[in-house]
Amino acid sequence: GPVTRIEDCGELTSGRITLSVDGEVRQDADMSWMIWKTDEIISKLS
């Protein structure tokens, strides 16, 4: 989808992430549940 600049949304370290199929929620979690956090992912990739 469209990109939201970090200046407009802040650094995303938590918050709900969901996926629905035909209106039924199939995935429902919080980004804080990631095993490797975003800053760690960037560091590991580099």
PDB file of all heavy atoms in Angstrom:
ATOM      1  N   GLY A   1       0.805  -1.209   0.000  1.00  0.00           N
ATOM      2  CA  GLY A   1       0.000   0.000   0.000  1.00  0.00           C
ATOM      3  C   GLY A   1       0.842   1.264   0.000  1.00  0.00           C
ATOM      4  O   GLY A   1       2.078   1.218  -0.032  1.00  0.00           O
ATOM      5  N   PRO A   2       0.184   2.421   0.060  1.00  0.00           N
ATOM      6  CA  PRO A   2       0.903   3.690   0.089  1.00  0.00           C
ATOM      7  C   PRO A   2       1.781   3.817   1.331  1.00  0.00           C
ATOM      8  O   PRO A   2       1.447   3.307   2.397  1.00  0.00           O
ATOM      9  CB  PRO A   2      -0.220   4.737   0.111  1.00  0.00           C
ATOM     10  CG  PRO A   2      -1.427   4.028  -0.390  1.00  0.00           C
ATOM     11  CD  PRO A   2      -1.284   2.611   0.037  1.00  0.00           C
ATOM     12  N   VAL A   3       2.891   4.508   1.165  1.00  0.00           N
ATOM     13  CA  VAL A   3       3.856   4.706   2.249  1.00  0.00           C
ATOM     14  C   VAL A   3       3.471   5.937   3.071  1.00  0.00           C
ATOM     15  O   VAL A   3       3.194   7.000   2.509  1.00  0.00           O
ATOM     16  CB  VAL A   3       5.278   4.881   1.680  1.00  0.00           C
ATOM     17  CG1 VAL A   3       6.260   5.251   2.786  1.00  0.00           C
ATOM     18  CG2 VAL A   3       5.720   3.620   0.948  1.00  0.00           C
ATOM     19  N   THR A   4       3.459   5.782   4.372  1.00  0.00           N
ATOM     20  CA  THR A   4       3.298   6.909   5.288  1.00  0.00           C
ATOM     21  C   THR A   4       4.663   7.276   5.843  1.00  0.00           C
ATOM     22  O   THR A   4       5.379   6.414   6.378  1.00  0.00           O
ATOM     23  CB  THR A   4       2.352   6.558   6.445  1.00  0.00           C
ATOM     24  OG1 THR A   4       1.054   6.245   5.918  1.00  0.00           O
ATOM     25  CG2 THR A   4       2.221   7.730   7.425  1.00  0.00           C
ATOM     26  N   ARG A   5       5.057   8.539   5.678  1.00  0.00           N
ATOM     27  CA  ARG A   5       6.371   8.975   6.159  1.00  0.00           C
ATOM     28  C   ARG A   5       6.460   8.835   7.672  1.00  0.00           C
ATOM     29  O   ARG A   5       5.482   9.055   8.396  1.00  0.00           O
ATOM     30  CB  ARG A   5       6.615  10.437   5.775  1.00  0.00           C
ATOM     31  CG  ARG A   5       6.656  10.708   4.271  1.00  0.00           C
ATOM     32  CD  ARG A   5       6.768  12.205   4.035  1.00  0.00           C
ATOM     33  NE  ARG A   5       6.618  12.580   2.635  1.00  0.00           N
ATOM     34  CZ  ARG A   5       7.629  12.723   1.773  1.00  0.00           C
ATOM     35  NH1 ARG A   5       8.868  12.536   2.201  1.00  0.00           N
ATOM     36  NH2 ARG A   5       7.407  13.066   0.522  1.00  0.00           N
ATOM     37  N   ILE A   6       7.661   8.523   8.151  1.00  0.00           N
ATOM     38  CA  ILE A   6       7.870   8.375   9.582  1.00  0.00           C
ATOM     39  C   ILE A   6       7.590   9.688  10.314  1.00  0.00           C
ATOM     40  O   ILE A   6       7.151   9.688  11.463  1.00  0.00           O
ATOM     41  CB  ILE A   6       9.302   7.858   9.874  1.00  0.00           C
ATOM     42  CG1 ILE A   6       9.428   7.423  11.334  1.00  0.00           C
ATOM     43  CG2 ILE A   6      10.359   8.884   9.486  1.00  0.00           C
ATOM     44  CD1 ILE A   6      10.722   6.702  11.655  1.00  0.00           C
ATOM     45  N   GLU A   7       7.786  10.810   9.638  1.00  0.00           N
ATOM     46  CA  GLU A   7       7.486  12.112  10.270  1.00  0.00           C
ATOM     47  C   GLU A   7       5.992  12.273  10.541  1.00  0.00           C
ATOM     48  O   GLU A   7       5.596  13.038  11.420  1.00  0.00           O
ATOM     49  CB  GLU A   7       7.958  13.253   9.362  1.00  0.00           C
ATOM     50  CG  GLU A   7       9.461  13.364   9.195  1.00  0.00           C
ATOM     51  CD  GLU A   7      10.000  12.479   8.091  1.00  0.00           C
ATOM     52  OE1 GLU A   7       9.220  11.694   7.488  1.00  0.00           O
ATOM     53  OE2 GLU A   7      11.210  12.556   7.817  1.00  0.00           O
ATOM     54  N   ASP A   8       5.162  11.541   9.793  1.00  0.00           N
ATOM     55  CA  ASP A   8       3.710  11.667   9.937  1.00  0.00           C
ATOM     56  C   ASP A   8       3.102  10.648  10.885  1.00  0.00           C
ATOM     57  O   ASP A   8       2.005  10.873  11.415  1.00  0.00           O
ATOM     58  CB  ASP A   8       3.039  11.537   8.565  1.00  0.00           C
ATOM     59  CG  ASP A   8       3.410  12.662   7.621  1.00  0.00           C
ATOM     60  OD1 ASP A   8       3.682  13.785   8.117  1.00  0.00           O
ATOM     61  OD2 ASP A   8       3.442  12.433   6.395  1.00  0.00           O
ATOM     62  N   CYS A   9       3.785   9.512  11.100  1.00  0.00           N
ATOM     63  CA  CYS A   9       3.201   8.471  11.945  1.00  0.00           C
ATOM     64  C   CYS A   9       4.063   8.118  13.149  1.00  0.00           C
ATOM     65  O   CYS A   9       3.617   7.373  14.031  1.00  0.00           O
ATOM     66  CB  CYS A   9       2.922   7.213  11.127  1.00  0.00           C
ATOM     67  SG  CYS A   9       4.385   6.411  10.435  1.00  0.00           S
ATOM     68  N   GLY A  10       5.302   8.629  13.187  1.00  0.00           N
ATOM     69  CA  GLY A  10       6.205   8.260  14.252  1.00  0.00           C
ATOM     70  C   GLY A  10       6.814   6.888  14.008  1.00  0.00           C
ATOM     71  O   GLY A  10       6.432   6.179  13.076  1.00  0.00           O
ATOM     72  N   GLU A  11       7.762   6.507  14.836  1.00  0.00           N
ATOM     73  CA  GLU A  11       8.389   5.199  14.708  1.00  0.00           C
ATOM     74  C   GLU A  11       7.400   4.136  15.191  1.00  0.00           C
ATOM     75  O   GLU A  11       6.908   4.204  16.323  1.00  0.00           O
ATOM     76  CB  GLU A  11       9.677   5.140  15.522  1.00  0.00           C
ATOM     77  CG  GLU A  11      10.459   3.860  15.327  1.00  0.00           C
ATOM     78  CD  GLU A  11      11.759   3.824  16.120  1.00  0.00           C
ATOM     79  OE1 GLU A  11      12.129   4.879  16.698  1.00  0.00           O
ATOM     80  OE2 GLU A  11      12.384   2.749  16.169  1.00  0.00           O
ATOM     81  N   LEU A  12       7.097   3.159  14.351  1.00  0.00           N
ATOM     82  CA  LEU A  12       6.105   2.139  14.681  1.00  0.00           C
ATOM     83  C   LEU A  12       6.781   0.958  15.380  1.00  0.00           C
ATOM     84  O   LEU A  12       7.483   0.172  14.746  1.00  0.00           O
ATOM     85  CB  LEU A  12       5.383   1.661  13.423  1.00  0.00           C
ATOM     86  CG  LEU A  12       4.560   2.701  12.661  1.00  0.00           C
ATOM     87  CD1 LEU A  12       3.795   2.049  11.514  1.00  0.00           C
ATOM     88  CD2 LEU A  12       3.600   3.438  13.589  1.00  0.00           C
ATOM     89  N   THR A  13       6.566   0.853  16.664  1.00  0.00           N
ATOM     90  CA  THR A  13       7.109  -0.258  17.440  1.00  0.00           C
ATOM     91  C   THR A  13       6.002  -1.105  18.061  1.00  0.00           C
ATOM     92  O   THR A  13       6.264  -2.201  18.559  1.00  0.00           O
ATOM     93  CB  THR A  13       8.030   0.254  18.558  1.00  0.00           C
ATOM     94  OG1 THR A  13       7.292   1.159  19.395  1.00  0.00           O
ATOM     95  CG2 THR A  13       9.228   0.995  17.970  1.00  0.00           C
ATOM     96  N   SER A  14       4.772  -0.600  18.045  1.00  0.00           N
ATOM     97  CA  SER A  14       3.626  -1.339  18.563  1.00  0.00           C
ATOM     98  C   SER A  14       2.392  -0.867  17.818  1.00  0.00           C
ATOM     99  O   SER A  14       2.419   0.124  17.084  1.00  0.00           O
ATOM    100  CB  SER A  14       3.461  -1.119  20.077  1.00  0.00           C
ATOM    101  OG  SER A  14       3.201   0.246  20.358  1.00  0.00           O
ATOM    102  N   GLY A  15       1.313  -1.579  18.004  1.00  0.00           N
ATOM    103  CA  GLY A  15       0.070  -1.250  17.315  1.00  0.00           C
ATOM    104  C   GLY A  15      -0.503  -2.490  16.658  1.00  0.00           C
ATOM    105  O   GLY A  15       0.207  -3.445  16.331  1.00  0.00           O
ATOM    106  N   ARG A  16      -1.796  -2.473  16.458  1.00  0.00           N
ATOM    107  CA  ARG A  16      -2.497  -3.649  15.949  1.00  0.00           C
ATOM    108  C   ARG A  16      -2.215  -3.870  14.467  1.00  0.00           C
ATOM    109  O   ARG A  16      -2.182  -2.925  13.676  1.00  0.00           O
ATOM    110  CB  ARG A  16      -3.996  -3.481  16.171  1.00  0.00           C
ATOM    111  CG  ARG A  16      -4.804  -4.751  15.997  1.00  0.00           C
ATOM    112  CD  ARG A  16      -6.274  -4.497  16.256  1.00  0.00           C
ATOM    113  NE  ARG A  16      -7.057  -5.729  16.197  1.00  0.00           N
ATOM    114  CZ  ARG A  16      -8.378  -5.753  16.041  1.00  0.00           C
ATOM    115  NH1 ARG A  16      -9.045  -4.605  15.941  1.00  0.00           N
ATOM    116  NH2 ARG A  16      -9.026  -6.910  15.986  1.00  0.00           N
ATOM    117  N   ILE A  17      -2.017  -5.136  14.098  1.00  0.00           N
ATOM    118  CA  ILE A  17      -1.902  -5.545  12.706  1.00  0.00           C
ATOM    119  C   ILE A  17      -2.908  -6.671  12.480  1.00  0.00           C
ATOM    120  O   ILE A  17      -2.940  -7.643  13.239  1.00  0.00           O
ATOM    121  CB  ILE A  17      -0.466  -5.989  12.345  1.00  0.00           C
ATOM    122  CG1 ILE A  17      -0.403  -6.540  10.917  1.00  0.00           C
ATOM    123  CG2 ILE A  17       0.108  -6.969  13.338  1.00  0.00           C
ATOM    124  CD1 ILE A  17       1.010  -6.797  10.413  1.00  0.00           C
ATOM    125  N   THR A  18      -3.770  -6.501  11.461  1.00  0.00           N
ATOM    126  CA  THR A  18      -4.798  -7.498  11.190  1.00  0.00           C
ATOM    127  C   THR A  18      -4.876  -7.777   9.697  1.00  0.00           C
ATOM    128  O   THR A  18      -4.480  -6.961   8.862  1.00  0.00           O
ATOM    129  CB  THR A  18      -6.194  -7.050  11.662  1.00  0.00           C
ATOM    130  OG1 THR A  18      -6.617  -5.914  10.898  1.00  0.00           O
ATOM    131  CG2 THR A  18      -6.198  -6.696  13.136  1.00  0.00           C
ATOM    132  N   LEU A  19      -5.397  -8.941   9.378  1.00  0.00           N
ATOM    133  CA  LEU A  19      -5.756  -9.270   8.002  1.00  0.00           C
ATOM    134  C   LEU A  19      -7.129  -9.926   8.031  1.00  0.00           C
ATOM    135  O   LEU A  19      -7.382 -10.822   8.854  1.00  0.00           O
ATOM    136  CB  LEU A  19      -4.750 -10.218   7.355  1.00  0.00           C
ATOM    137  CG  LEU A  19      -5.092 -10.610   5.904  1.00  0.00           C
ATOM    138  CD1 LEU A  19      -3.846 -10.673   5.030  1.00  0.00           C
ATOM    139  CD2 LEU A  19      -5.847 -11.948   5.847  1.00  0.00           C
ATOM    140  N   SER A  20      -8.010  -9.469   7.143  1.00  0.00           N
ATOM    141  CA  SER A  20      -9.330 -10.070   7.027  1.00  0.00           C
ATOM    142  C   SER A  20      -9.534 -10.605   5.620  1.00  0.00           C
ATOM    143  O   SER A  20      -8.974 -10.081   4.649  1.00  0.00           O
ATOM    144  CB  SER A  20     -10.426  -9.059   7.374  1.00  0.00           C
ATOM    145  OG  SER A  20     -10.405  -7.971   6.459  1.00  0.00           O
ATOM    146  N   VAL A  21     -10.321 -11.670   5.529  1.00  0.00           N
ATOM    147  CA  VAL A  21     -10.714 -12.255   4.253  1.00  0.00           C
ATOM    148  C   VAL A  21     -12.234 -12.212   4.172  1.00  0.00           C
ATOM    149  O   VAL A  21     -12.918 -12.798   5.024  1.00  0.00           O
ATOM    150  CB  VAL A  21     -10.206 -13.707   4.107  1.00  0.00           C
ATOM    151  CG1 VAL A  21     -10.655 -14.296   2.773  1.00  0.00           C
ATOM    152  CG2 VAL A  21      -8.686 -13.767   4.229  1.00  0.00           C
ATOM    153  N   ASP A  22     -12.740 -11.486   3.196  1.00  0.00           N
ATOM    154  CA  ASP A  22     -14.184 -11.310   3.032  1.00  0.00           C
ATOM    155  C   ASP A  22     -14.847 -10.843   4.330  1.00  0.00           C
ATOM    156  O   ASP A  22     -15.929 -11.314   4.710  1.00  0.00           O
ATOM    157  CB  ASP A  22     -14.830 -12.612   2.542  1.00  0.00           C
ATOM    158  CG  ASP A  22     -14.353 -13.002   1.144  1.00  0.00           C
ATOM    159  OD1 ASP A  22     -13.891 -12.113   0.401  1.00  0.00           O
ATOM    160  OD2 ASP A  22     -14.442 -14.195   0.799  1.00  0.00           O
ATOM    161  N   GLY A  23     -14.155  -9.927   5.033  1.00  0.00           N
ATOM    162  CA  GLY A  23     -14.704  -9.331   6.243  1.00  0.00           C
ATOM    163  C   GLY A  23     -14.449 -10.108   7.522  1.00  0.00           C
ATOM    164  O   GLY A  23     -14.751  -9.615   8.614  1.00  0.00           O
ATOM    165  N   GLU A  24     -13.901 -11.314   7.434  1.00  0.00           N
ATOM    166  CA  GLU A  24     -13.617 -12.123   8.620  1.00  0.00           C
ATOM    167  C   GLU A  24     -12.138 -11.977   8.996  1.00  0.00           C
ATOM    168  O   GLU A  24     -11.257 -12.235   8.179  1.00  0.00           O
ATOM    169  CB  GLU A  24     -13.917 -13.593   8.356  1.00  0.00           C
ATOM    170  CG  GLU A  24     -13.581 -14.505   9.521  1.00  0.00           C
ATOM    171  CD  GLU A  24     -13.758 -15.988   9.184  1.00  0.00           C
ATOM    172  OE1 GLU A  24     -14.311 -16.296   8.105  1.00  0.00           O
ATOM    173  OE2 GLU A  24     -13.318 -16.826   9.998  1.00  0.00           O
ATOM    174  N   VAL A  25     -11.862 -11.565  10.228  1.00  0.00           N
ATOM    175  CA  VAL A  25     -10.481 -11.379  10.671  1.00  0.00           C
ATOM    176  C   VAL A  25      -9.801 -12.740  10.818  1.00  0.00           C
ATOM    177  O   VAL A  25     -10.285 -13.620  11.542  1.00  0.00           O
ATOM    178  CB  VAL A  25     -10.432 -10.608  12.004  1.00  0.00           C
ATOM    179  CG1 VAL A  25      -8.992 -10.516  12.509  1.00  0.00           C
ATOM    180  CG2 VAL A  25     -11.008  -9.210  11.826  1.00  0.00           C
ATOM    181  N   ARG A  26      -8.688 -12.904  10.126  1.00  0.00           N
ATOM    182  CA  ARG A  26      -7.934 -14.156  10.169  1.00  0.00           C
ATOM    183  C   ARG A  26      -6.602 -13.999  10.907  1.00  0.00           C
ATOM    184  O   ARG A  26      -6.097 -14.954  11.485  1.00  0.00           O
ATOM    185  CB  ARG A  26      -7.652 -14.641   8.741  1.00  0.00           C
ATOM    186  CG  ARG A  26      -8.900 -14.877   7.899  1.00  0.00           C
ATOM    187  CD  ARG A  26      -9.593 -16.178   8.251  1.00  0.00           C
ATOM    188  NE  ARG A  26     -10.729 -16.437   7.378  1.00  0.00           N
ATOM    189  CZ  ARG A  26     -10.632 -17.011   6.170  1.00  0.00           C
ATOM    190  NH1 ARG A  26      -9.445 -17.377   5.709  1.00  0.00           N
ATOM    191  NH2 ARG A  26     -11.720 -17.222   5.446  1.00  0.00           N
ATOM    192  N   GLN A  27      -5.995 -12.814  10.831  1.00  0.00           N
ATOM    193  CA  GLN A  27      -4.762 -12.527  11.545  1.00  0.00           C
ATOM    194  C   GLN A  27      -4.998 -11.304  12.433  1.00  0.00           C
ATOM    195  O   GLN A  27      -5.578 -10.309  11.973  1.00  0.00           O
ATOM    196  CB  GLN A  27      -3.612 -12.240  10.580  1.00  0.00           C
ATOM    197  CG  GLN A  27      -3.197 -13.440   9.731  1.00  0.00           C
ATOM    198  CD  GLN A  27      -2.004 -13.129   8.847  1.00  0.00           C
ATOM    199  OE1 GLN A  27      -2.150 -12.509   7.806  1.00  0.00           O
ATOM    200  NE2 GLN A  27      -0.820 -13.563   9.261  1.00  0.00           N
ATOM    201  N   ASP A  28      -4.549 -11.382  13.673  1.00  0.00           N
ATOM    202  CA  ASP A  28      -4.786 -10.289  14.619  1.00  0.00           C
ATOM    203  C   ASP A  28      -3.670 -10.338  15.662  1.00  0.00           C
ATOM    204  O   ASP A  28      -3.590 -11.274  16.458  1.00  0.00           O
ATOM    205  CB  ASP A  28      -6.151 -10.463  15.284  1.00  0.00           C
ATOM    206  CG  ASP A  28      -6.584  -9.230  16.062  1.00  0.00           C
ATOM    207  OD1 ASP A  28      -5.757  -8.307  16.246  1.00  0.00           O
ATOM    208  OD2 ASP A  28      -7.752  -9.177  16.473  1.00  0.00           O
ATOM    209  N   ALA A  29      -2.797  -9.337  15.639  1.00  0.00           N
ATOM    210  CA  ALA A  29      -1.634  -9.344  16.532  1.00  0.00           C
ATOM    211  C   ALA A  29      -1.224  -7.909  16.822  1.00  0.00           C
ATOM    212  O   ALA A  29      -1.878  -6.951  16.379  1.00  0.00           O
ATOM    213  CB  ALA A  29      -0.475 -10.118  15.892  1.00  0.00           C
ATOM    214  N   ASP A  30      -0.149  -7.765  17.561  1.00  0.00           N
ATOM    215  CA  ASP A  30       0.444  -6.464  17.833  1.00  0.00           C
ATOM    216  C   ASP A  30       1.885  -6.488  17.339  1.00  0.00           C
ATOM    217  O   ASP A  30       2.586  -7.489  17.512  1.00  0.00           O
ATOM    218  CB  ASP A  30       0.411  -6.140  19.329  1.00  0.00           C
ATOM    219  CG  ASP A  30       0.710  -4.670  19.598  1.00  0.00           C
ATOM    220  OD1 ASP A  30       1.913  -4.303  19.574  1.00  0.00           O
ATOM    221  OD2 ASP A  30      -0.235  -3.902  19.821  1.00  0.00           O
ATOM    222  N   MET A  31       2.325  -5.407  16.714  1.00  0.00           N
ATOM    223  CA  MET A  31       3.687  -5.366  16.182  1.00  0.00           C
ATOM    224  C   MET A  31       4.748  -5.539  17.255  1.00  0.00           C
ATOM    225  O   MET A  31       5.877  -5.958  16.963  1.00  0.00           O
ATOM    226  CB  MET A  31       3.912  -4.067  15.403  1.00  0.00           C
ATOM    227  CG  MET A  31       3.145  -4.006  14.092  1.00  0.00           C
ATOM    228  SD  MET A  31       3.410  -2.450  13.210  1.00  0.00           S
ATOM    229  CE  MET A  31       2.473  -1.305  14.237  1.00  0.00           C
ATOM    230  N   SER A  32       4.402  -5.241  18.494  1.00  0.00           N
ATOM    231  CA  SER A  32       5.358  -5.426  19.597  1.00  0.00           C
ATOM    232  C   SER A  32       5.656  -6.897  19.840  1.00  0.00           C
ATOM    233  O   SER A  32       6.606  -7.225  20.566  1.00  0.00           O
ATOM    234  CB  SER A  32       4.817  -4.791  20.874  1.00  0.00           C
ATOM    235  OG  SER A  32       3.629  -5.436  21.310  1.00  0.00           O
ATOM    236  N   TRP A  33       4.860  -7.800  19.233  1.00  0.00           N
ATOM    237  CA  TRP A  33       5.086  -9.231  19.410  1.00  0.00           C
ATOM    238  C   TRP A  33       6.144  -9.774  18.456  1.00  0.00           C
ATOM    239  O   TRP A  33       6.462 -10.965  18.512  1.00  0.00           O
ATOM    240  CB  TRP A  33       3.785 -10.002  19.192  1.00  0.00           C
ATOM    241  CG  TRP A  33       2.681  -9.635  20.137  1.00  0.00           C
ATOM    242  CD1 TRP A  33       2.753  -8.823  21.227  1.00  0.00           C
ATOM    243  CD2 TRP A  33       1.320 -10.064  20.054  1.00  0.00           C
ATOM    244  NE1 TRP A  33       1.530  -8.708  21.833  1.00  0.00           N
ATOM    245  CE2 TRP A  33       0.619  -9.462  21.134  1.00  0.00           C
ATOM    246  CE3 TRP A  33       0.620 -10.888  19.186  1.00  0.00           C
ATOM    247  CZ2 TRP A  33      -0.732  -9.671  21.348  1.00  0.00           C
ATOM    248  CZ3 TRP A  33      -0.733 -11.095  19.397  1.00  0.00           C
ATOM    249  CH2 TRP A  33      -1.399 -10.498  20.470  1.00  0.00           C
ATOM    250  N   MET A  34       6.695  -8.940  17.588  1.00  0.00           N
ATOM    251  CA  MET A  34       7.728  -9.425  16.683  1.00  0.00           C
ATOM    252  C   MET A  34       8.928  -9.948  17.469  1.00  0.00           C
ATOM    253  O   MET A  34       9.364  -9.319  18.442  1.00  0.00           O
ATOM    254  CB  MET A  34       8.187  -8.321  15.725  1.00  0.00           C
ATOM    255  CG  MET A  34       7.173  -7.980  14.655  1.00  0.00           C
ATOM    256  SD  MET A  34       7.865  -6.977  13.299  1.00  0.00           S
ATOM    257  CE  MET A  34       8.182  -5.433  14.141  1.00  0.00           C
ATOM    258  N   ILE A  35       9.469 -11.085  17.042  1.00  0.00           N
ATOM    259  CA  ILE A  35      10.655 -11.655  17.691  1.00  0.00           C
ATOM    260  C   ILE A  35      11.853 -10.733  17.470  1.00  0.00           C
ATOM    261  O   ILE A  35      12.589 -10.418  18.399  1.00  0.00           O
ATOM    262  CB  ILE A  35      10.929 -13.065  17.139  1.00  0.00           C
ATOM    263  CG1 ILE A  35       9.765 -14.005  17.457  1.00  0.00           C
ATOM    264  CG2 ILE A  35      12.249 -13.615  17.715  1.00  0.00           C
ATOM    265  CD1 ILE A  35       9.824 -15.343  16.741  1.00  0.00           C
ATOM    266  N   TRP A  36      12.060 -10.334  16.220  1.00  0.00           N
ATOM    267  CA  TRP A  36      13.090  -9.360  15.865  1.00  0.00           C
ATOM    268  C   TRP A  36      12.398  -8.042  15.549  1.00  0.00           C
ATOM    269  O   TRP A  36      11.572  -7.965  14.638  1.00  0.00           O
ATOM    270  CB  TRP A  36      13.909  -9.848  14.663  1.00  0.00           C
ATOM    271  CG  TRP A  36      14.782 -11.009  15.015  1.00  0.00           C
ATOM    272  CD1 TRP A  36      14.463 -12.338  14.916  1.00  0.00           C
ATOM    273  CD2 TRP A  36      16.095 -10.954  15.563  1.00  0.00           C
ATOM    274  NE1 TRP A  36      15.505 -13.109  15.367  1.00  0.00           N
ATOM    275  CE2 TRP A  36      16.525 -12.291  15.771  1.00  0.00           C
ATOM    276  CE3 TRP A  36      16.965  -9.910  15.900  1.00  0.00           C
ATOM    277  CZ2 TRP A  36      17.776 -12.611  16.295  1.00  0.00           C
ATOM    278  CZ3 TRP A  36      18.213 -10.233  16.418  1.00  0.00           C
ATOM    279  CH2 TRP A  36      18.614 -11.562  16.619  1.00  0.00           C
ATOM    280  N   LYS A  37      12.702  -6.998  16.323  1.00  0.00           N
ATOM    281  CA  LYS A  37      12.077  -5.693  16.141  1.00  0.00           C
ATOM    282  C   LYS A  37      12.648  -5.016  14.891  1.00  0.00           C
ATOM    283  O   LYS A  37      13.690  -5.402  14.367  1.00  0.00           O
ATOM    284  CB  LYS A  37      12.303  -4.816  17.375  1.00  0.00           C
ATOM    285  CG  LYS A  37      12.004  -5.508  18.695  1.00  0.00           C
ATOM    286  CD  LYS A  37      10.607  -6.118  18.766  1.00  0.00           C
ATOM    287  CE  LYS A  37      10.355  -6.751  20.136  1.00  0.00           C
ATOM    288  NZ  LYS A  37       9.059  -7.470  20.177  1.00  0.00           N
ATOM    289  N   THR A  38      11.961  -3.975  14.444  1.00  0.00           N
ATOM    290  CA  THR A  38      12.333  -3.334  13.188  1.00  0.00           C
ATOM    291  C   THR A  38      13.769  -2.832  13.188  1.00  0.00           C
ATOM    292  O   THR A  38      14.518  -3.031  12.221  1.00  0.00           O
ATOM    293  CB  THR A  38      11.374  -2.169  12.888  1.00  0.00           C
ATOM    294  OG1 THR A  38      10.040  -2.676  12.776  1.00  0.00           O
ATOM    295  CG2 THR A  38      11.748  -1.484  11.591  1.00  0.00           C
ATOM    296  N   ASP A  39      14.192  -2.167  14.265  1.00  0.00           N
ATOM    297  CA  ASP A  39      15.564  -1.645  14.287  1.00  0.00           C
ATOM    298  C   ASP A  39      16.588  -2.772  14.299  1.00  0.00           C
ATOM    299  O   ASP A  39      17.657  -2.663  13.692  1.00  0.00           O
ATOM    300  CB  ASP A  39      15.769  -0.694  15.475  1.00  0.00           C
ATOM    301  CG  ASP A  39      15.345  -1.270  16.815  1.00  0.00           C
ATOM    302  OD1 ASP A  39      14.878  -2.437  16.851  1.00  0.00           O
ATOM    303  OD2 ASP A  39      15.483  -0.566  17.834  1.00  0.00           O
ATOM    304  N   GLU A  40      16.248  -3.895  14.951  1.00  0.00           N
ATOM    305  CA  GLU A  40      17.140  -5.046  14.939  1.00  0.00           C
ATOM    306  C   GLU A  40      17.207  -5.682  13.552  1.00  0.00           C
ATOM    307  O   GLU A  40      18.267  -6.130  13.111  1.00  0.00           O
ATOM    308  CB  GLU A  40      16.667  -6.080  15.960  1.00  0.00           C
ATOM    309  CG  GLU A  40      16.743  -5.607  17.402  1.00  0.00           C
ATOM    310  CD  GLU A  40      16.162  -6.612  18.367  1.00  0.00           C
ATOM    311  OE1 GLU A  40      15.071  -7.167  18.094  1.00  0.00           O
ATOM    312  OE2 GLU A  40      16.806  -6.862  19.404  1.00  0.00           O
ATOM    313  N   ILE A  41      16.070  -5.733  12.860  1.00  0.00           N
ATOM    314  CA  ILE A  41      16.039  -6.282  11.499  1.00  0.00           C
ATOM    315  C   ILE A  41      16.952  -5.483  10.582  1.00  0.00           C
ATOM    316  O   ILE A  41      17.750  -6.044   9.820  1.00  0.00           O
ATOM    317  CB  ILE A  41      14.599  -6.284  10.954  1.00  0.00           C
ATOM    318  CG1 ILE A  41      13.741  -7.316  11.693  1.00  0.00           C
ATOM    319  CG2 ILE A  41      14.588  -6.573   9.453  1.00  0.00           C
ATOM    320  CD1 ILE A  41      12.261  -7.210  11.390  1.00  0.00           C
ATOM    321  N   ILE A  42      16.828  -4.165  10.635  1.00  0.00           N
ATOM    322  CA  ILE A  42      17.667  -3.309   9.791  1.00  0.00           C
ATOM    323  C   ILE A  42      19.146  -3.561  10.088  1.00  0.00           C
ATOM    324  O   ILE A  42      19.973  -3.708   9.183  1.00  0.00           O
ATOM    325  CB  ILE A  42      17.308  -1.833   9.998  1.00  0.00           C
ATOM    326  CG1 ILE A  42      15.892  -1.549   9.461  1.00  0.00           C
ATOM    327  CG2 ILE A  42      18.326  -0.909   9.322  1.00  0.00           C
ATOM    328  CD1 ILE A  42      15.350  -0.189   9.843  1.00  0.00           C
ATOM    329  N   SER A  43      19.486  -3.625  11.354  1.00  0.00           N
ATOM    330  CA  SER A  43      20.878  -3.864  11.740  1.00  0.00           C
ATOM    331  C   SER A  43      21.362  -5.223  11.249  1.00  0.00           C
ATOM    332  O   SER A  43      22.469  -5.334  10.683  1.00  0.00           O
ATOM    333  CB  SER A  43      21.017  -3.766  13.267  1.00  0.00           C
ATOM    334  OG  SER A  43      22.343  -3.963  13.670  1.00  0.00           O
ATOM    335  N   LYS A  44      20.546  -6.268  11.432  1.00  0.00           N
ATOM    336  CA  LYS A  44      20.943  -7.609  11.007  1.00  0.00           C
ATOM    337  C   LYS A  44      21.088  -7.695   9.491  1.00  0.00           C
ATOM    338  O   LYS A  44      22.020  -8.316   8.971  1.00  0.00           O
ATOM    339  CB  LYS A  44      19.920  -8.640  11.499  1.00  0.00           C
ATOM    340  CG  LYS A  44      20.033  -8.977  12.977  1.00  0.00           C
ATOM    341  CD  LYS A  44      21.339  -9.711  13.269  1.00  0.00           C
ATOM    342  CE  LYS A  44      21.438 -10.145  14.711  1.00  0.00           C
ATOM    343  NZ  LYS A  44      22.742 -10.810  15.001  1.00  0.00           N
ATOM    344  N   LEU A  45      20.158  -7.096   8.747  1.00  0.00           N
ATOM    345  CA  LEU A  45      20.263  -7.090   7.288  1.00  0.00           C
ATOM    346  C   LEU A  45      21.562  -6.423   6.837  1.00  0.00           C
ATOM    347  O   LEU A  45      22.229  -6.890   5.911  1.00  0.00           O
ATOM    348  CB  LEU A  45      19.067  -6.366   6.668  1.00  0.00           C
ATOM    349  CG  LEU A  45      17.771  -7.151   6.521  1.00  0.00           C
ATOM    350  CD1 LEU A  45      16.644  -6.209   6.117  1.00  0.00           C
ATOM    351  CD2 LEU A  45      17.917  -8.269   5.508  1.00  0.00           C
ATOM    352  N   SER A  46      21.913  -5.329   7.512  1.00  0.00           N
ATOM    353  CA  SER A  46      23.094  -4.569   7.091  1.00  0.00           C
ATOM    354  C   SER A  46      24.397  -5.298   7.393  1.00  0.00           C
ATOM    355  O   SER A  46      25.458  -4.901   6.899  1.00  0.00           O
ATOM    356  CB  SER A  46      23.099  -3.188   7.753  1.00  0.00           C
ATOM    357  OG  SER A  46      23.430  -3.255   9.135  1.00  0.00           O
TER     358      SER A  46
END
